[in-house]
Amino acid sequence: MNALMTKFDIESAAVPGSSDWQGLSEIDQAIRDNRLMEYQIRKSWADPWGRKLTIVGVVAIGGVFAFLAGASFGLW
């Protein structure tokens, strides 16, 4: 078998999860555990721009909801 395989092929086959594909293995594990949405939310929250966008989006939705609720009760 060694005559057909180079040493590089043998070493790469011995290491199942190399660091080059670590991000893809995390996604694969998340899909396998059926928690892809949780993975996406955690990755977005870890990103500073994603966190700011999430906070602004929740505040905007809450503001619109509060405005509509106040208008339906005749507050303005």
PDB file of N, CA and C in Angstrom:
ATOM      1  N   MET A   1       0.820  -1.189   0.000  1.00  0.00           N
ATOM      2  CA  MET A   1       0.000   0.000   0.000  1.00  0.00           C
ATOM      3  C   MET A   1       0.864   1.251   0.000  1.00  0.00           C
ATOM      4  N   ASN A   2       2.016   1.209   0.630  1.00  0.00           N
ATOM      5  CA  ASN A   2       2.880   2.377   0.675  1.00  0.00           C
ATOM      6  C   ASN A   2       3.440   2.729  -0.690  1.00  0.00           C
ATOM      7  N   ALA A   3       3.483   1.775  -1.607  1.00  0.00           N
ATOM      8  CA  ALA A   3       3.996   2.066  -2.934  1.00  0.00           C
ATOM      9  C   ALA A   3       3.035   2.963  -3.708  1.00  0.00           C
ATOM     10  N   LEU A   4       1.771   2.904  -3.387  1.00  0.00           N
ATOM     11  CA  LEU A   4       0.785   3.700  -4.098  1.00  0.00           C
ATOM     12  C   LEU A   4       0.514   5.047  -3.428  1.00  0.00           C
ATOM     13  N   MET A   5       0.759   5.125  -2.136  1.00  0.00           N
ATOM     14  CA  MET A   5       0.453   6.343  -1.397  1.00  0.00           C
ATOM     15  C   MET A   5       1.748   7.064  -1.021  1.00  0.00           C
ATOM     16  N   THR A   6       1.734   8.355  -1.168  1.00  0.00           N
ATOM     17  CA  THR A   6       2.886   9.131  -0.731  1.00  0.00           C
ATOM     18  C   THR A   6       2.814   9.299   0.782  1.00  0.00           C
ATOM     19  N   LYS A   7       3.916   9.756   1.355  1.00  0.00           N
ATOM     20  CA  LYS A   7       3.944   9.950   2.797  1.00  0.00           C
ATOM     21  C   LYS A   7       2.936  11.030   3.209  1.00  0.00           C
ATOM     22  N   PHE A   8       2.755  12.036   2.374  1.00  0.00           N
ATOM     23  CA  PHE A   8       1.788  13.092   2.661  1.00  0.00           C
ATOM     24  C   PHE A   8       0.377  12.522   2.763  1.00  0.00           C
ATOM     25  N   ASP A   9       0.025  11.609   1.868  1.00  0.00           N
ATOM     26  CA  ASP A   9      -1.301  10.995   1.894  1.00  0.00           C
ATOM     27  C   ASP A   9      -1.509  10.177   3.164  1.00  0.00           C
ATOM     28  N   ILE A  10      -0.484   9.491   3.614  1.00  0.00           N
ATOM     29  CA  ILE A  10      -0.600   8.671   4.817  1.00  0.00           C
ATOM     30  C   ILE A  10      -0.769   9.567   6.038  1.00  0.00           C
ATOM     31  N   GLU A  11       0.010  10.644   6.131  1.00  0.00           N
ATOM     32  CA  GLU A  11      -0.078  11.549   7.277  1.00  0.00           C
ATOM     33  C   GLU A  11      -1.417  12.282   7.299  1.00  0.00           C
ATOM     34  N   SER A  12      -1.896  12.719   6.151  1.00  0.00           N
ATOM     35  CA  SER A  12      -3.166  13.440   6.128  1.00  0.00           C
ATOM     36  C   SER A  12      -4.333  12.508   6.417  1.00  0.00           C
ATOM     37  N   ALA A  13      -4.214  11.248   6.064  1.00  0.00           N
ATOM     38  CA  ALA A  13      -5.272  10.292   6.369  1.00  0.00           C
ATOM     39  C   ALA A  13      -5.287   9.954   7.853  1.00  0.00           C
ATOM     40  N   ALA A  14      -4.137  10.048   8.521  1.00  0.00           N
ATOM     41  CA  ALA A  14      -4.063   9.719   9.942  1.00  0.00           C
ATOM     42  C   ALA A  14      -4.686  10.815  10.804  1.00  0.00           C
ATOM     43  N   VAL A  15      -4.704  12.067  10.312  1.00  0.00           N
ATOM     44  CA  VAL A  15      -5.255  13.186  11.073  1.00  0.00           C
ATOM     45  C   VAL A  15      -6.669  13.449  10.562  1.00  0.00           C
ATOM     46  N   PRO A  16      -7.712  13.008  11.282  1.00  0.00           N
ATOM     47  CA  PRO A  16      -9.074  13.146  10.758  1.00  0.00           C
ATOM     48  C   PRO A  16      -9.559  14.580  10.702  1.00  0.00           C
ATOM     49  N   GLY A  17      -9.266  15.405  11.685  1.00  0.00           N
ATOM     50  CA  GLY A  17      -9.740  16.785  11.686  1.00  0.00           C
ATOM     51  C   GLY A  17      -8.571  17.743  11.771  1.00  0.00           C
ATOM     52  N   SER A  18      -8.132  18.269  10.658  1.00  0.00           N
ATOM     53  CA  SER A  18      -7.027  19.208  10.709  1.00  0.00           C
ATOM     54  C   SER A  18      -7.542  20.599  11.033  1.00  0.00           C
ATOM     55  N   SER A  19      -6.647  21.491  11.411  1.00  0.00           N
ATOM     56  CA  SER A  19      -7.055  22.843  11.808  1.00  0.00           C
ATOM     57  C   SER A  19      -7.493  23.679  10.609  1.00  0.00           C
ATOM     58  N   ASP A  20      -7.142  23.255   9.393  1.00  0.00           N
ATOM     59  CA  ASP A  20      -7.551  24.011   8.211  1.00  0.00           C
ATOM     60  C   ASP A  20      -9.061  23.979   8.016  1.00  0.00           C
ATOM     61  N   TRP A  21      -9.694  22.907   8.427  1.00  0.00           N
ATOM     62  CA  TRP A  21     -11.130  22.731   8.209  1.00  0.00           C
ATOM     63  C   TRP A  21     -11.913  22.814   9.519  1.00  0.00           C
ATOM     64  N   GLN A  22     -11.358  23.481  10.520  1.00  0.00           N
ATOM     65  CA  GLN A  22     -11.992  23.528  11.834  1.00  0.00           C
ATOM     66  C   GLN A  22     -13.352  24.215  11.775  1.00  0.00           C
ATOM     67  N   GLY A  23     -13.491  25.304  11.046  1.00  0.00           N
ATOM     68  CA  GLY A  23     -14.771  25.993  10.941  1.00  0.00           C
ATOM     69  C   GLY A  23     -15.830  25.128  10.291  1.00  0.00           C
ATOM     70  N   LEU A  24     -15.450  24.397   9.253  1.00  0.00           N
ATOM     71  CA  LEU A  24     -16.415  23.523   8.593  1.00  0.00           C
ATOM     72  C   LEU A  24     -16.805  22.355   9.483  1.00  0.00           C
ATOM     73  N   SER A  25     -15.873  21.866  10.294  1.00  0.00           N
ATOM     74  CA  SER A  25     -16.218  20.768  11.191  1.00  0.00           C
ATOM     75  C   SER A  25     -17.187  21.236  12.272  1.00  0.00           C
ATOM     76  N   GLU A  26     -17.070  22.515  12.710  1.00  0.00           N
ATOM     77  CA  GLU A  26     -18.029  23.052  13.676  1.00  0.00           C
ATOM     78  C   GLU A  26     -19.432  23.106  13.071  1.00  0.00           C
ATOM     79  N   ILE A  27     -19.534  23.551  11.834  1.00  0.00           N
ATOM     80  CA  ILE A  27     -20.836  23.615  11.157  1.00  0.00           C
ATOM     81  C   ILE A  27     -21.390  22.207  10.965  1.00  0.00           C
ATOM     82  N   ASP A  28     -20.517  21.272  10.584  1.00  0.00           N
ATOM     83  CA  ASP A  28     -20.953  19.894  10.386  1.00  0.00           C
ATOM     84  C   ASP A  28     -21.469  19.298  11.695  1.00  0.00           C
ATOM     85  N   GLN A  29     -20.779  19.583  12.795  1.00  0.00           N
ATOM     86  CA  GLN A  29     -21.230  19.091  14.092  1.00  0.00           C
ATOM     87  C   GLN A  29     -22.564  19.727  14.473  1.00  0.00           C
ATOM     88  N   ALA A  30     -22.729  21.019  14.172  1.00  0.00           N
ATOM     89  CA  ALA A  30     -23.992  21.702  14.486  1.00  0.00           C
ATOM     90  C   ALA A  30     -25.142  21.114  13.683  1.00  0.00           C
ATOM     91  N   ILE A  31     -24.899  20.810  12.419  1.00  0.00           N
ATOM     92  CA  ILE A  31     -25.949  20.202  11.585  1.00  0.00           C
ATOM     93  C   ILE A  31     -26.283  18.814  12.121  1.00  0.00           C
ATOM     94  N   ARG A  32     -25.257  18.065  12.511  1.00  0.00           N
ATOM     95  CA  ARG A  32     -25.478  16.719  13.021  1.00  0.00           C
ATOM     96  C   ARG A  32     -26.293  16.751  14.312  1.00  0.00           C
ATOM     97  N   ASP A  33     -26.047  17.740  15.146  1.00  0.00           N
ATOM     98  CA  ASP A  33     -26.778  17.850  16.412  1.00  0.00           C
ATOM     99  C   ASP A  33     -28.091  18.601  16.251  1.00  0.00           C
ATOM    100  N   ASN A  34     -28.438  19.009  15.041  1.00  0.00           N
ATOM    101  CA  ASN A  34     -29.674  19.725  14.737  1.00  0.00           C
ATOM    102  C   ASN A  34     -29.767  21.029  15.528  1.00  0.00           C
ATOM    103  N   ARG A  35     -28.674  21.768  15.553  1.00  0.00           N
ATOM    104  CA  ARG A  35     -28.648  23.035  16.258  1.00  0.00           C
ATOM    105  C   ARG A  35     -27.974  24.113  15.413  1.00  0.00           C
ATOM    106  N   LEU A  36     -28.300  24.126  14.137  1.00  0.00           N
ATOM    107  CA  LEU A  36     -27.680  25.075  13.228  1.00  0.00           C
ATOM    108  C   LEU A  36     -28.086  26.508  13.550  1.00  0.00           C
ATOM    109  N   MET A  37     -29.331  26.739  13.932  1.00  0.00           N
ATOM    110  CA  MET A  37     -29.779  28.090  14.261  1.00  0.00           C
ATOM    111  C   MET A  37     -29.029  28.620  15.484  1.00  0.00           C
ATOM    112  N   GLU A  38     -28.836  27.766  16.489  1.00  0.00           N
ATOM    113  CA  GLU A  38     -28.082  28.178  17.673  1.00  0.00           C
ATOM    114  C   GLU A  38     -26.650  28.539  17.301  1.00  0.00           C
ATOM    115  N   TYR A  39     -26.046  27.762  16.398  1.00  0.00           N
ATOM    116  CA  TYR A  39     -24.688  28.040  15.941  1.00  0.00           C
ATOM    117  C   TYR A  39     -24.624  29.400  15.240  1.00  0.00           C
ATOM    118  N   GLN A  40     -25.594  29.683  14.378  1.00  0.00           N
ATOM    119  CA  GLN A  40     -25.591  30.949  13.652  1.00  0.00           C
ATOM    120  C   GLN A  40     -25.796  32.129  14.589  1.00  0.00           C
ATOM    121  N   ILE A  41     -26.655  31.976  15.589  1.00  0.00           N
ATOM    122  CA  ILE A  41     -26.889  33.060  16.540  1.00  0.00           C
ATOM    123  C   ILE A  41     -25.636  33.310  17.371  1.00  0.00           C
ATOM    124  N   ARG A  42     -24.975  32.257  17.821  1.00  0.00           N
ATOM    125  CA  ARG A  42     -23.750  32.428  18.608  1.00  0.00           C
ATOM    126  C   ARG A  42     -22.639  33.083  17.789  1.00  0.00           C
ATOM    127  N   LYS A  43     -22.486  32.676  16.533  1.00  0.00           N
ATOM    128  CA  LYS A  43     -21.453  33.281  15.695  1.00  0.00           C
ATOM    129  C   LYS A  43     -21.780  34.744  15.405  1.00  0.00           C
ATOM    130  N   SER A  44     -23.048  35.062  15.207  1.00  0.00           N
ATOM    131  CA  SER A  44     -23.446  36.441  14.959  1.00  0.00           C
ATOM    132  C   SER A  44     -23.244  37.293  16.207  1.00  0.00           C
ATOM    133  N   TRP A  45     -23.556  36.753  17.372  1.00  0.00           N
ATOM    134  CA  TRP A  45     -23.395  37.508  18.613  1.00  0.00           C
ATOM    135  C   TRP A  45     -21.918  37.726  18.933  1.00  0.00           C
ATOM    136  N   ALA A  46     -21.053  36.837  18.506  1.00  0.00           N
ATOM    137  CA  ALA A  46     -19.620  36.993  18.751  1.00  0.00           C
ATOM    138  C   ALA A  46     -19.023  38.096  17.881  1.00  0.00           C
ATOM    139  N   ASP A  47     -19.655  38.388  16.756  1.00  0.00           N
ATOM    140  CA  ASP A  47     -19.189  39.436  15.856  1.00  0.00           C
ATOM    141  C   ASP A  47     -19.704  40.788  16.358  1.00  0.00           C
ATOM    142  N   PRO A  48     -18.821  41.789  16.551  1.00  0.00           N
ATOM    143  CA  PRO A  48     -19.285  43.086  17.076  1.00  0.00           C
ATOM    144  C   PRO A  48     -20.348  43.747  16.205  1.00  0.00           C
ATOM    145  N   TRP A  49     -20.192  43.708  14.893  1.00  0.00           N
ATOM    146  CA  TRP A  49     -21.195  44.318  14.010  1.00  0.00           C
ATOM    147  C   TRP A  49     -22.500  43.540  14.049  1.00  0.00           C
ATOM    148  N   GLY A  50     -22.410  42.222  14.122  1.00  0.00           N
ATOM    149  CA  GLY A  50     -23.620  41.410  14.222  1.00  0.00           C
ATOM    150  C   GLY A  50     -24.374  41.683  15.505  1.00  0.00           C
ATOM    151  N   ARG A  51     -23.631  41.869  16.593  1.00  0.00           N
ATOM    152  CA  ARG A  51     -24.272  42.175  17.875  1.00  0.00           C
ATOM    153  C   ARG A  51     -24.978  43.520  17.818  1.00  0.00           C
ATOM    154  N   LYS A  52     -24.315  44.530  17.243  1.00  0.00           N
ATOM    155  CA  LYS A  52     -24.928  45.860  17.143  1.00  0.00           C
ATOM    156  C   LYS A  52     -26.168  45.829  16.262  1.00  0.00           C
ATOM    157  N   LEU A  53     -26.086  45.123  15.156  1.00  0.00           N
ATOM    158  CA  LEU A  53     -27.226  45.018  14.253  1.00  0.00           C
ATOM    159  C   LEU A  53     -28.403  44.300  14.926  1.00  0.00           C
ATOM    160  N   THR A  54     -28.108  43.268  15.695  1.00  0.00           N
ATOM    161  CA  THR A  54     -29.160  42.549  16.406  1.00  0.00           C
ATOM    162  C   THR A  54     -29.843  43.454  17.428  1.00  0.00           C
ATOM    163  N   ILE A  55     -29.052  44.202  18.183  1.00  0.00           N
ATOM    164  CA  ILE A  55     -29.616  45.096  19.191  1.00  0.00           C
ATOM    165  C   ILE A  55     -30.464  46.182  18.533  1.00  0.00           C
ATOM    166  N   VAL A  56     -29.959  46.787  17.454  1.00  0.00           N
ATOM    167  CA  VAL A  56     -30.713  47.828  16.757  1.00  0.00           C
ATOM    168  C   VAL A  56     -32.005  47.254  16.176  1.00  0.00           C
ATOM    169  N   GLY A  57     -31.950  46.058  15.629  1.00  0.00           N
ATOM    170  CA  GLY A  57     -33.145  45.431  15.061  1.00  0.00           C
ATOM    171  C   GLY A  57     -34.198  45.145  16.116  1.00  0.00           C
ATOM    172  N   VAL A  58     -33.781  44.630  17.267  1.00  0.00           N
ATOM    173  CA  VAL A  58     -34.737  44.332  18.343  1.00  0.00           C
ATOM    174  C   VAL A  58     -35.346  45.621  18.886  1.00  0.00           C
ATOM    175  N   VAL A  59     -34.530  46.676  19.038  1.00  0.00           N
ATOM    176  CA  VAL A  59     -35.050  47.957  19.525  1.00  0.00           C
ATOM    177  C   VAL A  59     -36.029  48.557  18.517  1.00  0.00           C
ATOM    178  N   ALA A  60     -35.718  48.473  17.225  1.00  0.00           N
ATOM    179  CA  ALA A  60     -36.610  49.010  16.193  1.00  0.00           C
ATOM    180  C   ALA A  60     -37.943  48.257  16.182  1.00  0.00           C
ATOM    181  N   ILE A  61     -37.890  46.935  16.245  1.00  0.00           N
ATOM    182  CA  ILE A  61     -39.129  46.145  16.268  1.00  0.00           C
ATOM    183  C   ILE A  61     -39.928  46.455  17.526  1.00  0.00           C
ATOM    184  N   GLY A  62     -39.247  46.567  18.664  1.00  0.00           N
ATOM    185  CA  GLY A  62     -39.932  46.918  19.908  1.00  0.00           C
ATOM    186  C   GLY A  62     -40.545  48.305  19.852  1.00  0.00           C
ATOM    187  N   GLY A  63     -39.845  49.257  19.222  1.00  0.00           N
ATOM    188  CA  GLY A  63     -40.380  50.605  19.085  1.00  0.00           C
ATOM    189  C   GLY A  63     -41.622  50.654  18.216  1.00  0.00           C
ATOM    190  N   VAL A  64     -41.590  49.941  17.113  1.00  0.00           N
ATOM    191  CA  VAL A  64     -42.761  49.893  16.231  1.00  0.00           C
ATOM    192  C   VAL A  64     -43.927  49.234  16.949  1.00  0.00           C
ATOM    193  N   PHE A  65     -43.663  48.149  17.657  1.00  0.00           N
ATOM    194  CA  PHE A  65     -44.719  47.474  18.411  1.00  0.00           C
ATOM    195  C   PHE A  65     -45.311  48.397  19.477  1.00  0.00           C
ATOM    196  N   ALA A  66     -44.447  49.119  20.199  1.00  0.00           N
ATOM    197  CA  ALA A  66     -44.930  50.041  21.233  1.00  0.00           C
ATOM    198  C   ALA A  66     -45.757  51.164  20.618  1.00  0.00           C
ATOM    199  N   PHE A  67     -45.324  51.696  19.478  1.00  0.00           N
ATOM    200  CA  PHE A  67     -46.083  52.741  18.802  1.00  0.00           C
ATOM    201  C   PHE A  67     -47.459  52.242  18.382  1.00  0.00           C
ATOM    202  N   LEU A  68     -47.502  51.068  17.777  1.00  0.00           N
ATOM    203  CA  LEU A  68     -48.788  50.528  17.326  1.00  0.00           C
ATOM    204  C   LEU A  68     -49.694  50.186  18.502  1.00  0.00           C
ATOM    205  N   ALA A  69     -49.119  49.672  19.581  1.00  0.00           N
ATOM    206  CA  ALA A  69     -49.938  49.356  20.756  1.00  0.00           C
ATOM    207  C   ALA A  69     -50.477  50.653  21.366  1.00  0.00           C
ATOM    208  N   GLY A  70     -49.650  51.684  21.425  1.00  0.00           N
ATOM    209  CA  GLY A  70     -50.106  52.964  21.960  1.00  0.00           C
ATOM    210  C   GLY A  70     -51.154  53.595  21.084  1.00  0.00           C
ATOM    211  N   ALA A  71     -51.004  53.479  19.779  1.00  0.00           N
ATOM    212  CA  ALA A  71     -51.997  54.052  18.857  1.00  0.00           C
ATOM    213  C   ALA A  71     -53.320  53.301  18.944  1.00  0.00           C
ATOM    214  N   SER A  72     -53.276  51.995  19.164  1.00  0.00           N
ATOM    215  CA  SER A  72     -54.521  51.235  19.255  1.00  0.00           C
ATOM    216  C   SER A  72     -55.272  51.534  20.550  1.00  0.00           C
ATOM    217  N   PHE A  73     -54.559  51.916  21.597  1.00  0.00           N
ATOM    218  CA  PHE A  73     -55.202  52.289  22.855  1.00  0.00           C
ATOM    219  C   PHE A  73     -55.559  53.768  22.909  1.00  0.00           C
ATOM    220  N   GLY A  74     -55.265  54.507  21.854  1.00  0.00           N
ATOM    221  CA  GLY A  74     -55.630  55.923  21.752  1.00  0.00           C
ATOM    222  C   GLY A  74     -54.740  56.851  22.582  1.00  0.00           C
ATOM    223  N   LEU A  75     -53.492  56.432  22.812  1.00  0.00           N
ATOM    224  CA  LEU A  75     -52.582  57.287  23.573  1.00  0.00           C
ATOM    225  C   LEU A  75     -52.081  58.455  22.750  1.00  0.00           C
ATOM    226  N   TRP A  76     -52.046  58.335  21.453  1.00  0.00           N
ATOM    227  CA  TRP A  76     -51.656  59.428  20.564  1.00  0.00           C
ATOM    228  C   TRP A  76     -52.353  59.360  19.257  1.00  0.00           C
TER     229      TRP A  76
END
